[in-house]
Structures are given as structure tokens and as C-alpha cells.
Amino acid sequence: DIEIAVKYYDCGDYEESHTHKIATELTVLIEGEAKMNDTIFRKGDIITLLPGDETDFYALSKVTTVVVKYPSVKNDKYISEK
């Protein structure tokens, strides 16, 4: 029903802009600072992306996140064509 992942990033790591058509995605910053859609998030922040919301991810330091995606839908990640 859900996906849960712990993800680790080095400073400068980048994930290109993407969206989900079905799933909602929650990202919790456990450590570090990251920029998503030109907004800086810090340790303890929780970001909610609803279906159709688009975001990229840039690690401004070493970052650890916990990501929860629900429902768990295979092939529901769409890379932006920007």
C-alpha cells in the first residue's frame, strides 16, 4: 500500500524535476539542507507533494531523508520535459 525509503545524498547531488500522477509523496529531512523548487528545507522539515505537483531536489549539504509514497504505484514517476 505504501513505499518507505531512507535516502542519502552528498552535497551537490541533484534529482531532476519529476511528478507523480497517482501517489502522494512525503519527504522528511532527517539531516542537512536541500532545495526543492527554489525553496530551502532544513532538518526536521516535512514536504508534502500531491499528485501532479512537480519538484526537483538539490542537496546543499550531506542530506538524509525519509520518503513515504502512497499508494505504492509502479512506474508513477514522470520526469519533467523542461
PDB file of N, CA and C in Angstrom:
ATOM      1  N   ASP A   1       0.803  -1.208   0.000  1.00  0.00           N
ATOM      2  CA  ASP A   1       0.000   0.000   0.000  1.00  0.00           C
ATOM      3  C   ASP A   1       0.846   1.273   0.000  1.00  0.00           C
ATOM      4  N   ILE A   2       2.023   1.211   0.674  1.00  0.00           N
ATOM      5  CA  ILE A   2       2.895   2.386   0.739  1.00  0.00           C
ATOM      6  C   ILE A   2       4.333   1.974   0.465  1.00  0.00           C
ATOM      7  N   GLU A   3       5.148   2.972   0.110  1.00  0.00           N
ATOM      8  CA  GLU A   3       6.594   2.788  -0.023  1.00  0.00           C
ATOM      9  C   GLU A   3       7.266   3.673   1.003  1.00  0.00           C
ATOM     10  N   ILE A   4       8.304   3.167   1.637  1.00  0.00           N
ATOM     11  CA  ILE A   4       9.096   3.963   2.561  1.00  0.00           C
ATOM     12  C   ILE A   4      10.563   3.746   2.212  1.00  0.00           C
ATOM     13  N   ALA A   5      11.290   4.851   2.100  1.00  0.00           N
ATOM     14  CA  ALA A   5      12.707   4.755   1.759  1.00  0.00           C
ATOM     15  C   ALA A   5      13.512   5.728   2.610  1.00  0.00           C
ATOM     16  N   VAL A   6      14.708   5.311   3.000  1.00  0.00           N
ATOM     17  CA  VAL A   6      15.691   6.205   3.584  1.00  0.00           C
ATOM     18  C   VAL A   6      16.699   6.473   2.486  1.00  0.00           C
ATOM     19  N   LYS A   7      16.930   7.757   2.195  1.00  0.00           N
ATOM     20  CA  LYS A   7      17.817   8.118   1.092  1.00  0.00           C
ATOM     21  C   LYS A   7      18.945   9.006   1.609  1.00  0.00           C
ATOM     22  N   TYR A   8      20.136   8.783   1.066  1.00  0.00           N
ATOM     23  CA  TYR A   8      21.327   9.528   1.465  1.00  0.00           C
ATOM     24  C   TYR A   8      21.877  10.264   0.253  1.00  0.00           C
ATOM     25  N   TYR A   9      22.219  11.527   0.443  1.00  0.00           N
ATOM     26  CA  TYR A   9      22.745  12.360  -0.637  1.00  0.00           C
ATOM     27  C   TYR A   9      24.026  13.035  -0.173  1.00  0.00           C
ATOM     28  N   ASP A  10      24.970  13.198  -1.089  1.00  0.00           N
ATOM     29  CA  ASP A  10      26.158  14.006  -0.841  1.00  0.00           C
ATOM     30  C   ASP A  10      25.867  15.434  -1.294  1.00  0.00           C
ATOM     31  N   CYS A  11      26.601  16.379  -0.755  1.00  0.00           N
ATOM     32  CA  CYS A  11      26.453  17.771  -1.162  1.00  0.00           C
ATOM     33  C   CYS A  11      26.610  17.879  -2.679  1.00  0.00           C
ATOM     34  N   GLY A  12      25.658  18.545  -3.326  1.00  0.00           N
ATOM     35  CA  GLY A  12      25.704  18.721  -4.775  1.00  0.00           C
ATOM     36  C   GLY A  12      24.902  17.697  -5.551  1.00  0.00           C
ATOM     37  N   ASP A  13      24.441  16.641  -4.898  1.00  0.00           N
ATOM     38  CA  ASP A  13      23.612  15.656  -5.606  1.00  0.00           C
ATOM     39  C   ASP A  13      22.324  16.320  -6.086  1.00  0.00           C
ATOM     40  N   TYR A  14      21.876  15.902  -7.257  1.00  0.00           N
ATOM     41  CA  TYR A  14      20.703  16.528  -7.874  1.00  0.00           C
ATOM     42  C   TYR A  14      19.794  15.457  -8.466  1.00  0.00           C
ATOM     43  N   GLU A  15      18.497  15.609  -8.242  1.00  0.00           N
ATOM     44  CA  GLU A  15      17.493  14.770  -8.905  1.00  0.00           C
ATOM     45  C   GLU A  15      16.649  15.694  -9.766  1.00  0.00           C
ATOM     46  N   GLU A  16      16.512  15.337 -11.043  1.00  0.00           N
ATOM     47  CA  GLU A  16      15.778  16.212 -11.949  1.00  0.00           C
ATOM     48  C   GLU A  16      14.298  16.275 -11.605  1.00  0.00           C
ATOM     49  N   SER A  17      13.676  17.314 -12.104  1.00  0.00           N
ATOM     50  CA  SER A  17      12.274  17.582 -11.808  1.00  0.00           C
ATOM     51  C   SER A  17      11.384  16.444 -12.281  1.00  0.00           C
ATOM     52  N   HIS A  18      10.450  16.057 -11.401  1.00  0.00           N
ATOM     53  CA  HIS A  18       9.536  14.965 -11.725  1.00  0.00           C
ATOM     54  C   HIS A  18       8.200  15.179 -11.018  1.00  0.00           C
ATOM     55  N   THR A  19       7.237  14.372 -11.375  1.00  0.00           N
ATOM     56  CA  THR A  19       5.918  14.406 -10.748  1.00  0.00           C
ATOM     57  C   THR A  19       5.384  12.981 -10.651  1.00  0.00           C
ATOM     58  N   HIS A  20       4.353  12.817  -9.857  1.00  0.00           N
ATOM     59  CA  HIS A  20       3.618  11.559  -9.774  1.00  0.00           C
ATOM     60  C   HIS A  20       2.171  11.864 -10.150  1.00  0.00           C
ATOM     61  N   LYS A  21       1.568  11.012 -10.915  1.00  0.00           N
ATOM     62  CA  LYS A  21       0.172  11.231 -11.325  1.00  0.00           C
ATOM     63  C   LYS A  21      -0.822  10.669 -10.313  1.00  0.00           C
ATOM     64  N   ILE A  22      -0.404   9.644  -9.550  1.00  0.00           N
ATOM     65  CA  ILE A  22      -1.329   8.970  -8.636  1.00  0.00           C
ATOM     66  C   ILE A  22      -0.915   9.156  -7.172  1.00  0.00           C
ATOM     67  N   ALA A  23       0.353   9.005  -6.885  1.00  0.00           N
ATOM     68  CA  ALA A  23       0.824   8.950  -5.495  1.00  0.00           C
ATOM     69  C   ALA A  23       1.033  10.323  -4.874  1.00  0.00           C
ATOM     70  N   THR A  24       0.857  10.375  -3.562  1.00  0.00           N
ATOM     71  CA  THR A  24       1.272  11.489  -2.726  1.00  0.00           C
ATOM     72  C   THR A  24       2.621  11.106  -2.135  1.00  0.00           C
ATOM     73  N   GLU A  25       3.539  12.077  -2.057  1.00  0.00           N
ATOM     74  CA  GLU A  25       4.880  11.794  -1.553  1.00  0.00           C
ATOM     75  C   GLU A  25       5.194  12.731  -0.394  1.00  0.00           C
ATOM     76  N   LEU A  26       5.591  12.158   0.726  1.00  0.00           N
ATOM     77  CA  LEU A  26       6.034  12.922   1.893  1.00  0.00           C
ATOM     78  C   LEU A  26       7.534  12.753   2.026  1.00  0.00           C
ATOM     79  N   THR A  27       8.258  13.853   2.174  1.00  0.00           N
ATOM     80  CA  THR A  27       9.700  13.807   2.375  1.00  0.00           C
ATOM     81  C   THR A  27      10.024  14.476   3.695  1.00  0.00           C
ATOM     82  N   VAL A  28      10.737  13.765   4.562  1.00  0.00           N
ATOM     83  CA  VAL A  28      11.166  14.301   5.850  1.00  0.00           C
ATOM     84  C   VAL A  28      12.681  14.457   5.803  1.00  0.00           C
ATOM     85  N   LEU A  29      13.174  15.672   6.039  1.00  0.00           N
ATOM     86  CA  LEU A  29      14.616  15.878   6.114  1.00  0.00           C
ATOM     87  C   LEU A  29      15.094  15.506   7.511  1.00  0.00           C
ATOM     88  N   ILE A  30      15.880  14.456   7.575  1.00  0.00           N
ATOM     89  CA  ILE A  30      16.416  13.964   8.846  1.00  0.00           C
ATOM     90  C   ILE A  30      17.707  14.703   9.197  1.00  0.00           C
ATOM     91  N   GLU A  31      18.521  14.977   8.185  1.00  0.00           N
ATOM     92  CA  GLU A  31      19.773  15.712   8.350  1.00  0.00           C
ATOM     93  C   GLU A  31      20.026  16.564   7.118  1.00  0.00           C
ATOM     94  N   GLY A  32      20.630  17.729   7.304  1.00  0.00           N
ATOM     95  CA  GLY A  32      21.104  18.537   6.199  1.00  0.00           C
ATOM     96  C   GLY A  32      20.126  19.575   5.688  1.00  0.00           C
ATOM     97  N   GLU A  33      20.502  20.163   4.542  1.00  0.00           N
ATOM     98  CA  GLU A  33      19.692  21.173   3.870  1.00  0.00           C
ATOM     99  C   GLU A  33      19.574  20.823   2.394  1.00  0.00           C
ATOM    100  N   ALA A  34      18.394  21.045   1.845  1.00  0.00           N
ATOM    101  CA  ALA A  34      18.156  20.760   0.432  1.00  0.00           C
ATOM    102  C   ALA A  34      17.265  21.842  -0.153  1.00  0.00           C
ATOM    103  N   LYS A  35      17.348  21.988  -1.466  1.00  0.00           N
ATOM    104  CA  LYS A  35      16.494  22.941  -2.176  1.00  0.00           C
ATOM    105  C   LYS A  35      15.566  22.157  -3.093  1.00  0.00           C
ATOM    106  N   MET A  36      14.280  22.450  -2.974  1.00  0.00           N
ATOM    107  CA  MET A  36      13.272  21.854  -3.845  1.00  0.00           C
ATOM    108  C   MET A  36      12.425  23.002  -4.388  1.00  0.00           C
ATOM    109  N   ASN A  37      12.349  23.115  -5.724  1.00  0.00           N
ATOM    110  CA  ASN A  37      11.583  24.201  -6.347  1.00  0.00           C
ATOM    111  C   ASN A  37      11.973  25.564  -5.791  1.00  0.00           C
ATOM    112  N   ASP A  38      13.285  25.806  -5.675  1.00  0.00           N
ATOM    113  CA  ASP A  38      13.831  27.088  -5.211  1.00  0.00           C
ATOM    114  C   ASP A  38      13.480  27.434  -3.770  1.00  0.00           C
ATOM    115  N   THR A  39      13.013  26.471  -2.982  1.00  0.00           N
ATOM    116  CA  THR A  39      12.755  26.670  -1.563  1.00  0.00           C
ATOM    117  C   THR A  39      13.746  25.819  -0.775  1.00  0.00           C
ATOM    118  N   ILE A  40      14.368  26.419   0.231  1.00  0.00           N
ATOM    119  CA  ILE A  40      15.341  25.691   1.040  1.00  0.00           C
ATOM    120  C   ILE A  40      14.627  25.041   2.228  1.00  0.00           C
ATOM    121  N   PHE A  41      14.920  23.762   2.425  1.00  0.00           N
ATOM    122  CA  PHE A  41      14.364  22.999   3.532  1.00  0.00           C
ATOM    123  C   PHE A  41      15.509  22.521   4.407  1.00  0.00           C
ATOM    124  N   ARG A  42      15.226  22.417   5.716  1.00  0.00           N
ATOM    125  CA  ARG A  42      16.249  22.046   6.694  1.00  0.00           C
ATOM    126  C   ARG A  42      15.782  20.870   7.538  1.00  0.00           C
ATOM    127  N   LYS A  43      16.734  20.349   8.308  1.00  0.00           N
ATOM    128  CA  LYS A  43      16.468  19.242   9.224  1.00  0.00           C
ATOM    129  C   LYS A  43      15.147  19.463   9.964  1.00  0.00           C
ATOM    130  N   GLY A  44      14.296  18.422   9.926  1.00  0.00           N
ATOM    131  CA  GLY A  44      13.004  18.481  10.616  1.00  0.00           C
ATOM    132  C   GLY A  44      11.843  18.909   9.742  1.00  0.00           C
ATOM    133  N   ASP A  45      12.127  19.473   8.571  1.00  0.00           N
ATOM    134  CA  ASP A  45      11.045  19.889   7.666  1.00  0.00           C
ATOM    135  C   ASP A  45      10.379  18.677   7.026  1.00  0.00           C
ATOM    136  N   ILE A  46       9.081  18.795   6.802  1.00  0.00           N
ATOM    137  CA  ILE A  46       8.298  17.763   6.121  1.00  0.00           C
ATOM    138  C   ILE A  46       7.665  18.411   4.895  1.00  0.00           C
ATOM    139  N   ILE A  47       7.909  17.830   3.739  1.00  0.00           N
ATOM    140  CA  ILE A  47       7.394  18.356   2.475  1.00  0.00           C
ATOM    141  C   ILE A  47       6.355  17.386   1.935  1.00  0.00           C
ATOM    142  N   THR A  48       5.185  17.887   1.595  1.00  0.00           N
ATOM    143  CA  THR A  48       4.117  17.069   1.016  1.00  0.00           C
ATOM    144  C   THR A  48       3.938  17.451  -0.442  1.00  0.00           C
ATOM    145  N   LEU A  49       4.061  16.464  -1.323  1.00  0.00           N
ATOM    146  CA  LEU A  49       3.818  16.656  -2.751  1.00  0.00           C
ATOM    147  C   LEU A  49       2.593  15.847  -3.138  1.00  0.00           C
ATOM    148  N   LEU A  50       1.581  16.540  -3.582  1.00  0.00           N
ATOM    149  CA  LEU A  50       0.347  15.885  -4.012  1.00  0.00           C
ATOM    150  C   LEU A  50       0.477  15.429  -5.455  1.00  0.00           C
ATOM    151  N   PRO A  51      -0.372  14.514  -5.912  1.00  0.00           N
ATOM    152  CA  PRO A  51      -0.326  14.102  -7.316  1.00  0.00           C
ATOM    153  C   PRO A  51      -0.385  15.336  -8.229  1.00  0.00           C
ATOM    154  N   GLY A  52       0.542  15.375  -9.182  1.00  0.00           N
ATOM    155  CA  GLY A  52       0.606  16.489 -10.118  1.00  0.00           C
ATOM    156  C   GLY A  52       1.585  17.573  -9.709  1.00  0.00           C
ATOM    157  N   ASP A  53       1.977  17.632  -8.429  1.00  0.00           N
ATOM    158  CA  ASP A  53       2.988  18.596  -8.002  1.00  0.00           C
ATOM    159  C   ASP A  53       4.332  18.193  -8.588  1.00  0.00           C
ATOM    160  N   GLU A  54       5.069  19.174  -9.072  1.00  0.00           N
ATOM    161  CA  GLU A  54       6.359  18.909  -9.696  1.00  0.00           C
ATOM    162  C   GLU A  54       7.469  19.439  -8.806  1.00  0.00           C
ATOM    163  N   THR A  55       8.566  18.694  -8.698  1.00  0.00           N
ATOM    164  CA  THR A  55       9.708  19.173  -7.920  1.00  0.00           C
ATOM    165  C   THR A  55      11.008  18.563  -8.416  1.00  0.00           C
ATOM    166  N   ASP A  56      12.085  19.293  -8.142  1.00  0.00           N
ATOM    167  CA  ASP A  56      13.429  18.753  -8.301  1.00  0.00           C
ATOM    168  C   ASP A  56      14.013  18.661  -6.897  1.00  0.00           C
ATOM    169  N   PHE A  57      15.274  18.241  -6.778  1.00  0.00           N
ATOM    170  CA  PHE A  57      15.899  18.100  -5.469  1.00  0.00           C
ATOM    171  C   PHE A  57      17.384  18.369  -5.618  1.00  0.00           C
ATOM    172  N   TYR A  58      17.903  19.303  -4.815  1.00  0.00           N
ATOM    173  CA  TYR A  58      19.323  19.621  -4.837  1.00  0.00           C
ATOM    174  C   TYR A  58      19.840  19.621  -3.400  1.00  0.00           C
ATOM    175  N   ALA A  59      20.831  18.786  -3.119  1.00  0.00           N
ATOM    176  CA  ALA A  59      21.404  18.690  -1.779  1.00  0.00           C
ATOM    177  C   ALA A  59      22.409  19.817  -1.563  1.00  0.00           C
ATOM    178  N   LEU A  60      22.124  20.687  -0.598  1.00  0.00           N
ATOM    179  CA  LEU A  60      23.012  21.797  -0.276  1.00  0.00           C
ATOM    180  C   LEU A  60      24.098  21.389   0.720  1.00  0.00           C
ATOM    181  N   SER A  61      23.960  20.201   1.281  1.00  0.00           N
ATOM    182  CA  SER A  61      24.928  19.612   2.217  1.00  0.00           C
ATOM    183  C   SER A  61      24.705  18.108   2.148  1.00  0.00           C
ATOM    184  N   LYS A  62      25.379  17.364   3.010  1.00  0.00           N
ATOM    185  CA  LYS A  62      25.012  15.943   3.115  1.00  0.00           C
ATOM    186  C   LYS A  62      23.592  15.899   3.657  1.00  0.00           C
ATOM    187  N   VAL A  63      22.757  15.088   3.042  1.00  0.00           N
ATOM    188  CA  VAL A  63      21.332  15.054   3.401  1.00  0.00           C
ATOM    189  C   VAL A  63      20.892  13.608   3.601  1.00  0.00           C
ATOM    190  N   THR A  64      20.059  13.403   4.610  1.00  0.00           N
ATOM    191  CA  THR A  64      19.364  12.139   4.813  1.00  0.00           C
ATOM    192  C   THR A  64      17.876  12.447   4.824  1.00  0.00           C
ATOM    193  N   THR A  65      17.113  11.694   4.047  1.00  0.00           N
ATOM    194  CA  THR A  65      15.660  11.873   4.018  1.00  0.00           C
ATOM    195  C   THR A  65      14.971  10.544   4.284  1.00  0.00           C
ATOM    196  N   VAL A  66      13.741  10.644   4.748  1.00  0.00           N
ATOM    197  CA  VAL A  66      12.823   9.515   4.765  1.00  0.00           C
ATOM    198  C   VAL A  66      11.683   9.927   3.847  1.00  0.00           C
ATOM    199  N   VAL A  67      11.400   9.085   2.863  1.00  0.00           N
ATOM    200  CA  VAL A  67      10.356   9.380   1.886  1.00  0.00           C
ATOM    201  C   VAL A  67       9.262   8.324   2.007  1.00  0.00           C
ATOM    202  N   VAL A  68       8.030   8.798   2.098  1.00  0.00           N
ATOM    203  CA  VAL A  68       6.864   7.918   2.145  1.00  0.00           C
ATOM    204  C   VAL A  68       6.006   8.246   0.934  1.00  0.00           C
ATOM    205  N   LYS A  69       5.697   7.241   0.147  1.00  0.00           N
ATOM    206  CA  LYS A  69       4.869   7.443  -1.044  1.00  0.00           C
ATOM    207  C   LYS A  69       3.657   6.524  -0.947  1.00  0.00           C
ATOM    208  N   TYR A  70       2.474   7.118  -1.130  1.00  0.00           N
ATOM    209  CA  TYR A  70       1.255   6.318  -1.057  1.00  0.00           C
ATOM    210  C   TYR A  70       0.218   6.830  -2.048  1.00  0.00           C
ATOM    211  N   PRO A  71      -0.503   5.936  -2.686  1.00  0.00           N
ATOM    212  CA  PRO A  71      -0.280   4.495  -2.668  1.00  0.00           C
ATOM    213  C   PRO A  71       0.990   4.147  -3.442  1.00  0.00           C
ATOM    214  N   SER A  72       1.492   2.950  -3.193  1.00  0.00           N
ATOM    215  CA  SER A  72       2.655   2.463  -3.919  1.00  0.00           C
ATOM    216  C   SER A  72       2.195   2.030  -5.312  1.00  0.00           C
ATOM    217  N   VAL A  73       2.609   2.798  -6.313  1.00  0.00           N
ATOM    218  CA  VAL A  73       2.186   2.534  -7.690  1.00  0.00           C
ATOM    219  C   VAL A  73       3.438   2.420  -8.555  1.00  0.00           C
ATOM    220  N   LYS A  74       3.620   1.273  -9.181  1.00  0.00           N
ATOM    221  CA  LYS A  74       4.789   1.063 -10.046  1.00  0.00           C
ATOM    222  C   LYS A  74       4.706   1.998 -11.254  1.00  0.00           C
ATOM    223  N   ASN A  75       5.868   2.538 -11.644  1.00  0.00           N
ATOM    224  CA  ASN A  75       6.005   3.403 -12.818  1.00  0.00           C
ATOM    225  C   ASN A  75       5.177   4.689 -12.736  1.00  0.00           C
ATOM    226  N   ASP A  76       5.048   5.263 -11.537  1.00  0.00           N
ATOM    227  CA  ASP A  76       4.295   6.508 -11.361  1.00  0.00           C
ATOM    228  C   ASP A  76       5.212   7.715 -11.181  1.00  0.00           C
ATOM    229  N   LYS A  77       6.444   7.640 -11.692  1.00  0.00           N
ATOM    230  CA  LYS A  77       7.372   8.771 -11.651  1.00  0.00           C
ATOM    231  C   LYS A  77       7.596   9.256 -13.069  1.00  0.00           C
ATOM    232  N   TYR A  78       7.280  10.529 -13.307  1.00  0.00           N
ATOM    233  CA  TYR A  78       7.351  11.124 -14.637  1.00  0.00           C
ATOM    234  C   TYR A  78       8.349  12.270 -14.610  1.00  0.00           C
ATOM    235  N   ILE A  79       9.438  12.136 -15.368  1.00  0.00           N
ATOM    236  CA  ILE A  79      10.467  13.158 -15.444  1.00  0.00           C
ATOM    237  C   ILE A  79       9.929  14.322 -16.274  1.00  0.00           C
ATOM    238  N   SER A  80      10.157  15.541 -15.758  1.00  0.00           N
ATOM    239  CA  SER A  80       9.707  16.752 -16.444  1.00  0.00           C
ATOM    240  C   SER A  80      10.421  16.900 -17.780  1.00  0.00           C
ATOM    241  N   GLU A  81       9.744  17.487 -18.717  1.00  0.00           N
ATOM    242  CA  GLU A  81      10.336  17.673 -20.048  1.00  0.00           C
ATOM    243  C   GLU A  81      10.996  19.032 -20.193  1.00  0.00           C
ATOM    244  N   LYS A  82      11.206  19.750 -19.083  1.00  0.00           N
ATOM    245  CA  LYS A  82      11.853  21.065 -19.118  1.00  0.00           C
ATOM    246  C   LYS A  82      13.277  20.932 -19.588  1.00  0.00           C
TER     247      LYS A  82
END
